[in-house]
Amino acid sequence: MIRPAFALTLFVSLAACNDAGPPAQPTAGEASQKPKSRTVLQFLEDPAALDEAWARCRNDPGGIGDTPDCRNAGHAKERIMMVGREHAIEVLKR
């Protein structure tokens, strides 16, 4: 009888330790510090930013590869390959 009671007490104690509650919501100051994602046009107009973002995104496709910045950098790269930088900028500015 002692063993089941001990196991139950241990289980209840461990279950109580995992009650972390809901995740903390970012405050207004923290939310404003989050960098805004760049658009396809911004990437086309700034080749250095495009190269930097594209290098980060290709290096971690499973982690940051699905962020708005990575998707926009990918679209900018596709447009450059298809029609060239100048034409892609011209079309997006219309």
PDB file of N, CA and C in Angstrom:
ATOM      1  N   MET A   1       0.796  -1.190   0.000  1.00  0.00           N
ATOM      2  CA  MET A   1       0.000   0.000   0.000  1.00  0.00           C
ATOM      3  C   MET A   1       0.845   1.263   0.000  1.00  0.00           C
ATOM      4  N   ILE A   2       1.989   1.202   0.569  1.00  0.00           N
ATOM      5  CA  ILE A   2       2.831   2.385   0.644  1.00  0.00           C
ATOM      6  C   ILE A   2       3.298   2.791  -0.747  1.00  0.00           C
ATOM      7  N   ARG A   3       3.629   1.850  -1.590  1.00  0.00           N
ATOM      8  CA  ARG A   3       4.151   2.174  -2.922  1.00  0.00           C
ATOM      9  C   ARG A   3       3.134   2.900  -3.805  1.00  0.00           C
ATOM     10  N   PRO A   4       1.880   2.455  -3.915  1.00  0.00           N
ATOM     11  CA  PRO A   4       0.930   3.206  -4.737  1.00  0.00           C
ATOM     12  C   PRO A   4       0.686   4.624  -4.204  1.00  0.00           C
ATOM     13  N   ALA A   5       0.656   4.778  -2.901  1.00  0.00           N
ATOM     14  CA  ALA A   5       0.432   6.108  -2.324  1.00  0.00           C
ATOM     15  C   ALA A   5       1.620   7.014  -2.639  1.00  0.00           C
ATOM     16  N   PHE A   6       2.816   6.454  -2.568  1.00  0.00           N
ATOM     17  CA  PHE A   6       4.014   7.225  -2.884  1.00  0.00           C
ATOM     18  C   PHE A   6       4.025   7.613  -4.359  1.00  0.00           C
ATOM     19  N   ALA A   7       3.660   6.696  -5.233  1.00  0.00           N
ATOM     20  CA  ALA A   7       3.636   6.977  -6.670  1.00  0.00           C
ATOM     21  C   ALA A   7       2.605   8.058  -6.982  1.00  0.00           C
ATOM     22  N   LEU A   8       1.443   7.997  -6.323  1.00  0.00           N
ATOM     23  CA  LEU A   8       0.408   9.001  -6.543  1.00  0.00           C
ATOM     24  C   LEU A   8       0.867  10.376  -6.068  1.00  0.00           C
ATOM     25  N   THR A   9       1.507  10.426  -4.921  1.00  0.00           N
ATOM     26  CA  THR A   9       2.014  11.691  -4.391  1.00  0.00           C
ATOM     27  C   THR A   9       3.083  12.263  -5.312  1.00  0.00           C
ATOM     28  N   LEU A  10       3.969  11.428  -5.803  1.00  0.00           N
ATOM     29  CA  LEU A  10       5.020  11.868  -6.715  1.00  0.00           C
ATOM     30  C   LEU A  10       4.423  12.385  -8.018  1.00  0.00           C
ATOM     31  N   PHE A  11       3.440  11.681  -8.539  1.00  0.00           N
ATOM     32  CA  PHE A  11       2.787  12.102  -9.778  1.00  0.00           C
ATOM     33  C   PHE A  11       2.107  13.455  -9.622  1.00  0.00           C
ATOM     34  N   VAL A  12       1.367  13.653  -8.547  1.00  0.00           N
ATOM     35  CA  VAL A  12       0.667  14.913  -8.300  1.00  0.00           C
ATOM     36  C   VAL A  12       1.670  16.044  -8.115  1.00  0.00           C
ATOM     37  N   SER A  13       2.759  15.781  -7.425  1.00  0.00           N
ATOM     38  CA  SER A  13       3.785  16.806  -7.210  1.00  0.00           C
ATOM     39  C   SER A  13       4.425  17.226  -8.521  1.00  0.00           C
ATOM     40  N   LEU A  14       4.733  16.274  -9.366  1.00  0.00           N
ATOM     41  CA  LEU A  14       5.353  16.596 -10.648  1.00  0.00           C
ATOM     42  C   LEU A  14       4.387  17.295 -11.588  1.00  0.00           C
ATOM     43  N   ALA A  15       3.132  16.916 -11.549  1.00  0.00           N
ATOM     44  CA  ALA A  15       2.137  17.561 -12.399  1.00  0.00           C
ATOM     45  C   ALA A  15       1.952  19.020 -12.010  1.00  0.00           C
ATOM     46  N   ALA A  16       2.023  19.319 -10.735  1.00  0.00           N
ATOM     47  CA  ALA A  16       1.880  20.704 -10.281  1.00  0.00           C
ATOM     48  C   ALA A  16       3.063  21.559 -10.710  1.00  0.00           C
ATOM     49  N   CYS A  17       4.222  20.974 -10.875  1.00  0.00           N
ATOM     50  CA  CYS A  17       5.413  21.729 -11.274  1.00  0.00           C
ATOM     51  C   CYS A  17       5.311  22.233 -12.712  1.00  0.00           C
ATOM     52  N   ASN A  18       4.585  21.551 -13.554  1.00  0.00           N
ATOM     53  CA  ASN A  18       4.489  21.937 -14.959  1.00  0.00           C
ATOM     54  C   ASN A  18       3.416  22.976 -15.237  1.00  0.00           C
ATOM     55  N   ASP A  19       2.728  23.456 -14.233  1.00  0.00           N
ATOM     56  CA  ASP A  19       1.665  24.440 -14.439  1.00  0.00           C
ATOM     57  C   ASP A  19       2.279  25.825 -14.547  1.00  0.00           C
ATOM     58  N   ALA A  20       2.725  26.177 -15.740  1.00  0.00           N
ATOM     59  CA  ALA A  20       3.389  27.455 -15.958  1.00  0.00           C
ATOM     60  C   ALA A  20       2.380  28.559 -16.244  1.00  0.00           C
ATOM     61  N   GLY A  21       1.171  28.236 -16.589  1.00  0.00           N
ATOM     62  CA  GLY A  21       0.173  29.237 -16.913  1.00  0.00           C
ATOM     63  C   GLY A  21       0.306  29.683 -18.349  1.00  0.00           C
ATOM     64  N   PRO A  22      -0.498  30.664 -18.740  1.00  0.00           N
ATOM     65  CA  PRO A  22      -0.459  31.126 -20.129  1.00  0.00           C
ATOM     66  C   PRO A  22       0.831  31.882 -20.408  1.00  0.00           C
ATOM     67  N   PRO A  23       1.294  31.874 -21.662  1.00  0.00           N
ATOM     68  CA  PRO A  23       2.514  32.596 -21.986  1.00  0.00           C
ATOM     69  C   PRO A  23       2.300  34.098 -21.844  1.00  0.00           C
ATOM     70  N   ALA A  24       3.348  34.786 -21.472  1.00  0.00           N
ATOM     71  CA  ALA A  24       3.266  36.225 -21.266  1.00  0.00           C
ATOM     72  C   ALA A  24       3.076  36.938 -22.602  1.00  0.00           C
ATOM     73  N   GLN A  25       2.179  37.920 -22.613  1.00  0.00           N
ATOM     74  CA  GLN A  25       1.938  38.714 -23.808  1.00  0.00           C
ATOM     75  C   GLN A  25       2.966  39.835 -23.848  1.00  0.00           C
ATOM     76  N   PRO A  26       3.478  40.161 -25.049  1.00  0.00           N
ATOM     77  CA  PRO A  26       4.451  41.245 -25.120  1.00  0.00           C
ATOM     78  C   PRO A  26       3.789  42.583 -24.797  1.00  0.00           C
ATOM     79  N   THR A  27       4.546  43.436 -24.131  1.00  0.00           N
ATOM     80  CA  THR A  27       4.028  44.761 -23.816  1.00  0.00           C
ATOM     81  C   THR A  27       4.077  45.626 -25.061  1.00  0.00           C
ATOM     82  N   ALA A  28       3.474  46.785 -25.000  1.00  0.00           N
ATOM     83  CA  ALA A  28       3.441  47.682 -26.155  1.00  0.00           C
ATOM     84  C   ALA A  28       4.853  48.071 -26.575  1.00  0.00           C
ATOM     85  N   GLY A  29       5.745  48.273 -25.614  1.00  0.00           N
ATOM     86  CA  GLY A  29       7.128  48.637 -25.934  1.00  0.00           C
ATOM     87  C   GLY A  29       7.869  47.511 -26.626  1.00  0.00           C
ATOM     88  N   GLU A  30       7.655  46.282 -26.184  1.00  0.00           N
ATOM     89  CA  GLU A  30       8.317  45.138 -26.804  1.00  0.00           C
ATOM     90  C   GLU A  30       7.795  44.888 -28.209  1.00  0.00           C
ATOM     91  N   ALA A  31       6.506  45.073 -28.410  1.00  0.00           N
ATOM     92  CA  ALA A  31       5.912  44.830 -29.725  1.00  0.00           C
ATOM     93  C   ALA A  31       6.425  45.840 -30.738  1.00  0.00           C
ATOM     94  N   SER A  32       6.664  47.076 -30.303  1.00  0.00           N
ATOM     95  CA  SER A  32       7.140  48.082 -31.247  1.00  0.00           C
ATOM     96  C   SER A  32       8.604  47.880 -31.594  1.00  0.00           C
ATOM     97  N   GLN A  33       9.358  47.121 -30.786  1.00  0.00           N
ATOM     98  CA  GLN A  33      10.767  46.874 -31.056  1.00  0.00           C
ATOM     99  C   GLN A  33      10.966  45.776 -32.090  1.00  0.00           C
ATOM    100  N   LYS A  34       9.923  45.025 -32.390  1.00  0.00           N
ATOM    101  CA  LYS A  34      10.016  43.955 -33.371  1.00  0.00           C
ATOM    102  C   LYS A  34      10.272  44.572 -34.748  1.00  0.00           C
ATOM    103  N   PRO A  35      11.331  44.129 -35.435  1.00  0.00           N
ATOM    104  CA  PRO A  35      11.619  44.738 -36.733  1.00  0.00           C
ATOM    105  C   PRO A  35      10.519  44.453 -37.741  1.00  0.00           C
ATOM    106  N   LYS A  36      10.162  45.474 -38.496  1.00  0.00           N
ATOM    107  CA  LYS A  36       9.126  45.327 -39.500  1.00  0.00           C
ATOM    108  C   LYS A  36       9.710  44.600 -40.709  1.00  0.00           C
ATOM    109  N   SER A  37       8.942  43.711 -41.300  1.00  0.00           N
ATOM    110  CA  SER A  37       9.442  42.980 -42.458  1.00  0.00           C
ATOM    111  C   SER A  37       9.501  43.901 -43.671  1.00  0.00           C
ATOM    112  N   ARG A  38      10.452  43.645 -44.534  1.00  0.00           N
ATOM    113  CA  ARG A  38      10.627  44.457 -45.739  1.00  0.00           C
ATOM    114  C   ARG A  38       9.790  43.893 -46.875  1.00  0.00           C
ATOM    115  N   THR A  39       9.410  44.766 -47.785  1.00  0.00           N
ATOM    116  CA  THR A  39       8.601  44.360 -48.933  1.00  0.00           C
ATOM    117  C   THR A  39       9.517  43.877 -50.055  1.00  0.00           C
ATOM    118  N   VAL A  40       8.908  43.284 -51.075  1.00  0.00           N
ATOM    119  CA  VAL A  40       9.662  42.842 -52.245  1.00  0.00           C
ATOM    120  C   VAL A  40      10.343  44.038 -52.902  1.00  0.00           C
ATOM    121  N   LEU A  41       9.633  45.147 -53.018  1.00  0.00           N
ATOM    122  CA  LEU A  41      10.201  46.344 -53.634  1.00  0.00           C
ATOM    123  C   LEU A  41      11.392  46.869 -52.835  1.00  0.00           C
ATOM    124  N   GLN A  42      11.288  46.870 -51.524  1.00  0.00           N
ATOM    125  CA  GLN A  42      12.413  47.317 -50.699  1.00  0.00           C
ATOM    126  C   GLN A  42      13.634  46.431 -50.914  1.00  0.00           C
ATOM    127  N   PHE A  43      13.413  45.125 -51.032  1.00  0.00           N
ATOM    128  CA  PHE A  43      14.537  44.218 -51.303  1.00  0.00           C
ATOM    129  C   PHE A  43      15.135  44.475 -52.682  1.00  0.00           C
ATOM    130  N   LEU A  44      14.289  44.739 -53.668  1.00  0.00           N
ATOM    131  CA  LEU A  44      14.798  44.997 -55.016  1.00  0.00           C
ATOM    132  C   LEU A  44      15.623  46.280 -55.062  1.00  0.00           C
ATOM    133  N   GLU A  45      15.228  47.268 -54.287  1.00  0.00           N
ATOM    134  CA  GLU A  45      15.945  48.539 -54.275  1.00  0.00           C
ATOM    135  C   GLU A  45      17.201  48.517 -53.413  1.00  0.00           C
ATOM    136  N   ASP A  46      17.340  47.536 -52.538  1.00  0.00           N
ATOM    137  CA  ASP A  46      18.509  47.441 -51.655  1.00  0.00           C
ATOM    138  C   ASP A  46      19.149  46.054 -51.807  1.00  0.00           C
ATOM    139  N   PRO A  47      20.039  45.886 -52.807  1.00  0.00           N
ATOM    140  CA  PRO A  47      20.630  44.568 -53.060  1.00  0.00           C
ATOM    141  C   PRO A  47      21.406  44.002 -51.871  1.00  0.00           C
ATOM    142  N   ALA A  48      22.045  44.860 -51.071  1.00  0.00           N
ATOM    143  CA  ALA A  48      22.806  44.360 -49.919  1.00  0.00           C
ATOM    144  C   ALA A  48      21.868  43.732 -48.886  1.00  0.00           C
ATOM    145  N   ALA A  49      20.738  44.374 -48.622  1.00  0.00           N
ATOM    146  CA  ALA A  49      19.764  43.822 -47.670  1.00  0.00           C
ATOM    147  C   ALA A  49      19.183  42.518 -48.204  1.00  0.00           C
ATOM    148  N   LEU A  50      18.937  42.464 -49.504  1.00  0.00           N
ATOM    149  CA  LEU A  50      18.406  41.240 -50.113  1.00  0.00           C
ATOM    150  C   LEU A  50      19.395  40.097 -49.967  1.00  0.00           C
ATOM    151  N   ASP A  51      20.659  40.354 -50.274  1.00  0.00           N
ATOM    152  CA  ASP A  51      21.675  39.301 -50.164  1.00  0.00           C
ATOM    153  C   ASP A  51      21.834  38.818 -48.726  1.00  0.00           C
ATOM    154  N   GLU A  52      21.802  39.754 -47.776  1.00  0.00           N
ATOM    155  CA  GLU A  52      21.950  39.388 -46.370  1.00  0.00           C
ATOM    156  C   GLU A  52      20.764  38.547 -45.899  1.00  0.00           C
ATOM    157  N   ALA A  53      19.558  38.997 -46.216  1.00  0.00           N
ATOM    158  CA  ALA A  53      18.359  38.265 -45.799  1.00  0.00           C
ATOM    159  C   ALA A  53      18.291  36.904 -46.474  1.00  0.00           C
ATOM    160  N   TRP A  54      18.603  36.857 -47.747  1.00  0.00           N
ATOM    161  CA  TRP A  54      18.527  35.598 -48.487  1.00  0.00           C
ATOM    162  C   TRP A  54      19.527  34.583 -47.949  1.00  0.00           C
ATOM    163  N   ALA A  55      20.717  35.060 -47.559  1.00  0.00           N
ATOM    164  CA  ALA A  55      21.719  34.157 -46.984  1.00  0.00           C
ATOM    165  C   ALA A  55      21.225  33.565 -45.660  1.00  0.00           C
ATOM    166  N   ARG A  56      20.619  34.403 -44.804  1.00  0.00           N
ATOM    167  CA  ARG A  56      20.075  33.905 -43.527  1.00  0.00           C
ATOM    168  C   ARG A  56      18.947  32.909 -43.765  1.00  0.00           C
ATOM    169  N   CYS A  57      18.075  33.224 -44.712  1.00  0.00           N
ATOM    170  CA  CYS A  57      16.905  32.379 -44.962  1.00  0.00           C
ATOM    171  C   CYS A  57      17.297  31.024 -45.547  1.00  0.00           C
ATOM    172  N   ARG A  58      18.246  31.013 -46.446  1.00  0.00           N
ATOM    173  CA  ARG A  58      18.692  29.751 -47.046  1.00  0.00           C
ATOM    174  C   ARG A  58      19.407  28.899 -46.025  1.00  0.00           C
ATOM    175  N   ASN A  59      20.076  29.528 -45.061  1.00  0.00           N
ATOM    176  CA  ASN A  59      20.830  28.791 -44.054  1.00  0.00           C
ATOM    177  C   ASN A  59      19.917  28.103 -43.046  1.00  0.00           C
ATOM    178  N   ASP A  60      18.691  28.604 -42.851  1.00  0.00           N
ATOM    179  CA  ASP A  60      17.767  28.040 -41.866  1.00  0.00           C
ATOM    180  C   ASP A  60      16.348  27.965 -42.432  1.00  0.00           C
ATOM    181  N   PRO A  61      16.125  27.150 -43.470  1.00  0.00           N
ATOM    182  CA  PRO A  61      14.800  27.118 -44.097  1.00  0.00           C
ATOM    183  C   PRO A  61      13.706  26.585 -43.180  1.00  0.00           C
ATOM    184  N   GLY A  62      14.044  25.735 -42.251  1.00  0.00           N
ATOM    185  CA  GLY A  62      13.029  25.190 -41.353  1.00  0.00           C
ATOM    186  C   GLY A  62      12.707  26.111 -40.197  1.00  0.00           C
ATOM    187  N   GLY A  63      13.609  27.045 -39.888  1.00  0.00           N
ATOM    188  CA  GLY A  63      13.380  27.958 -38.768  1.00  0.00           C
ATOM    189  C   GLY A  63      12.825  29.283 -39.229  1.00  0.00           C
ATOM    190  N   ILE A  64      13.701  30.134 -39.765  1.00  0.00           N
ATOM    191  CA  ILE A  64      13.254  31.464 -40.180  1.00  0.00           C
ATOM    192  C   ILE A  64      12.835  31.498 -41.633  1.00  0.00           C
ATOM    193  N   GLY A  65      12.979  30.405 -42.338  1.00  0.00           N
ATOM    194  CA  GLY A  65      12.695  30.385 -43.768  1.00  0.00           C
ATOM    195  C   GLY A  65      11.256  30.678 -44.145  1.00  0.00           C
ATOM    196  N   ASP A  66      10.333  30.590 -43.196  1.00  0.00           N
ATOM    197  CA  ASP A  66       8.920  30.827 -43.506  1.00  0.00           C
ATOM    198  C   ASP A  66       8.420  32.154 -42.932  1.00  0.00           C
ATOM    199  N   THR A  67       9.341  33.074 -42.657  1.00  0.00           N
ATOM    200  CA  THR A  67       8.943  34.388 -42.149  1.00  0.00           C
ATOM    201  C   THR A  67       8.599  35.309 -43.323  1.00  0.00           C
ATOM    202  N   PRO A  68       7.887  36.392 -43.076  1.00  0.00           N
ATOM    203  CA  PRO A  68       7.563  37.324 -44.172  1.00  0.00           C
ATOM    204  C   PRO A  68       8.809  37.861 -44.875  1.00  0.00           C
ATOM    205  N   ASP A  69       9.857  38.172 -44.115  1.00  0.00           N
ATOM    206  CA  ASP A  69      11.086  38.667 -44.732  1.00  0.00           C
ATOM    207  C   ASP A  69      11.673  37.637 -45.700  1.00  0.00           C
ATOM    208  N   CYS A  70      11.683  36.380 -45.302  1.00  0.00           N
ATOM    209  CA  CYS A  70      12.254  35.337 -46.162  1.00  0.00           C
ATOM    210  C   CYS A  70      11.396  35.106 -47.404  1.00  0.00           C
ATOM    211  N   ARG A  71      10.083  35.114 -47.227  1.00  0.00           N
ATOM    212  CA  ARG A  71       9.210  34.942 -48.396  1.00  0.00           C
ATOM    213  C   ARG A  71       9.372  36.100 -49.365  1.00  0.00           C
ATOM    214  N   ASN A  72       9.440  37.325 -48.838  1.00  0.00           N
ATOM    215  CA  ASN A  72       9.603  38.489 -49.702  1.00  0.00           C
ATOM    216  C   ASN A  72      10.970  38.496 -50.385  1.00  0.00           C
ATOM    217  N   ALA A  73      11.999  38.080 -49.669  1.00  0.00           N
ATOM    218  CA  ALA A  73      13.330  37.990 -50.281  1.00  0.00           C
ATOM    219  C   ALA A  73      13.325  36.947 -51.395  1.00  0.00           C
ATOM    220  N   GLY A  74      12.635  35.842 -51.179  1.00  0.00           N
ATOM    221  CA  GLY A  74      12.533  34.811 -52.214  1.00  0.00           C
ATOM    222  C   GLY A  74      11.803  35.313 -53.449  1.00  0.00           C
ATOM    223  N   HIS A  75      10.718  36.056 -53.232  1.00  0.00           N
ATOM    224  CA  HIS A  75       9.987  36.618 -54.377  1.00  0.00           C
ATOM    225  C   HIS A  75      10.852  37.633 -55.126  1.00  0.00           C
ATOM    226  N   ALA A  76      11.618  38.430 -54.382  1.00  0.00           N
ATOM    227  CA  ALA A  76      12.507  39.403 -55.035  1.00  0.00           C
ATOM    228  C   ALA A  76      13.562  38.682 -55.869  1.00  0.00           C
ATOM    229  N   LYS A  77      14.131  37.621 -55.335  1.00  0.00           N
ATOM    230  CA  LYS A  77      15.129  36.841 -56.088  1.00  0.00           C
ATOM    231  C   LYS A  77      14.509  36.260 -57.359  1.00  0.00           C
ATOM    232  N   GLU A  78      13.285  35.744 -57.250  1.00  0.00           N
ATOM    233  CA  GLU A  78      12.597  35.181 -58.424  1.00  0.00           C
ATOM    234  C   GLU A  78      12.369  36.240 -59.486  1.00  0.00           C
ATOM    235  N   ARG A  79      11.930  37.419 -59.069  1.00  0.00           N
ATOM    236  CA  ARG A  79      11.681  38.499 -60.036  1.00  0.00           C
ATOM    237  C   ARG A  79      12.969  38.927 -60.727  1.00  0.00           C
ATOM    238  N   ILE A  80      14.061  38.978 -59.972  1.00  0.00           N
ATOM    239  CA  ILE A  80      15.344  39.348 -60.567  1.00  0.00           C
ATOM    240  C   ILE A  80      15.749  38.326 -61.619  1.00  0.00           C
ATOM    241  N   MET A  81      15.569  37.053 -61.314  1.00  0.00           N
ATOM    242  CA  MET A  81      15.943  36.006 -62.268  1.00  0.00           C
ATOM    243  C   MET A  81      15.044  36.017 -63.503  1.00  0.00           C
ATOM    244  N   MET A  82      13.765  36.333 -63.316  1.00  0.00           N
ATOM    245  CA  MET A  82      12.818  36.275 -64.431  1.00  0.00           C
ATOM    246  C   MET A  82      12.898  37.493 -65.352  1.00  0.00           C
ATOM    247  N   VAL A  83      12.901  38.704 -64.774  1.00  0.00           N
ATOM    248  CA  VAL A  83      12.795  39.909 -65.609  1.00  0.00           C
ATOM    249  C   VAL A  83      13.910  40.920 -65.370  1.00  0.00           C
ATOM    250  N   GLY A  84      14.761  40.689 -64.395  1.00  0.00           N
ATOM    251  CA  GLY A  84      15.819  41.642 -64.088  1.00  0.00           C
ATOM    252  C   GLY A  84      15.383  42.638 -63.036  1.00  0.00           C
ATOM    253  N   ARG A  85      16.358  43.187 -62.327  1.00  0.00           N
ATOM    254  CA  ARG A  85      16.082  44.089 -61.211  1.00  0.00           C
ATOM    255  C   ARG A  85      15.338  45.349 -61.652  1.00  0.00           C
ATOM    256  N   GLU A  86      15.833  46.018 -62.686  1.00  0.00           N
ATOM    257  CA  GLU A  86      15.239  47.295 -63.100  1.00  0.00           C
ATOM    258  C   GLU A  86      13.780  47.135 -63.538  1.00  0.00           C
ATOM    259  N   HIS A  87      13.501  46.129 -64.340  1.00  0.00           N
ATOM    260  CA  HIS A  87      12.136  45.903 -64.813  1.00  0.00           C
ATOM    261  C   HIS A  87      11.219  45.521 -63.653  1.00  0.00           C
ATOM    262  N   ALA A  88      11.710  44.713 -62.738  1.00  0.00           N
ATOM    263  CA  ALA A  88      10.895  44.315 -61.587  1.00  0.00           C
ATOM    264  C   ALA A  88      10.540  45.528 -60.724  1.00  0.00           C
ATOM    265  N   ILE A  89      11.494  46.427 -60.521  1.00  0.00           N
ATOM    266  CA  ILE A  89      11.224  47.643 -59.760  1.00  0.00           C
ATOM    267  C   ILE A  89      10.200  48.494 -60.477  1.00  0.00           C
ATOM    268  N   GLU A  90      10.394  48.652 -61.781  1.00  0.00           N
ATOM    269  CA  GLU A  90       9.475  49.467 -62.594  1.00  0.00           C
ATOM    270  C   GLU A  90       8.048  48.940 -62.494  1.00  0.00           C
ATOM    271  N   VAL A  91       7.871  47.648 -62.592  1.00  0.00           N
ATOM    272  CA  VAL A  91       6.535  47.046 -62.546  1.00  0.00           C
ATOM    273  C   VAL A  91       5.897  47.233 -61.179  1.00  0.00           C
ATOM    274  N   LEU A  92       6.673  47.073 -60.117  1.00  0.00           N
ATOM    275  CA  LEU A  92       6.108  47.192 -58.763  1.00  0.00           C
ATOM    276  C   LEU A  92       5.778  48.632 -58.399  1.00  0.00           C
ATOM    277  N   LYS A  93       6.439  49.578 -59.001  1.00  0.00           N
ATOM    278  CA  LYS A  93       6.167  50.988 -58.694  1.00  0.00           C
ATOM    279  C   LYS A  93       4.956  51.529 -59.418  1.00  0.00           C
ATOM    280  N   ARG A  94       4.415  50.819 -60.361  1.00  0.00           N
ATOM    281  CA  ARG A  94       3.249  51.291 -61.109  1.00  0.00           C
ATOM    282  C   ARG A  94       2.044  51.435 -60.240  1.00  0.00           C
TER     283      ARG A  94
END
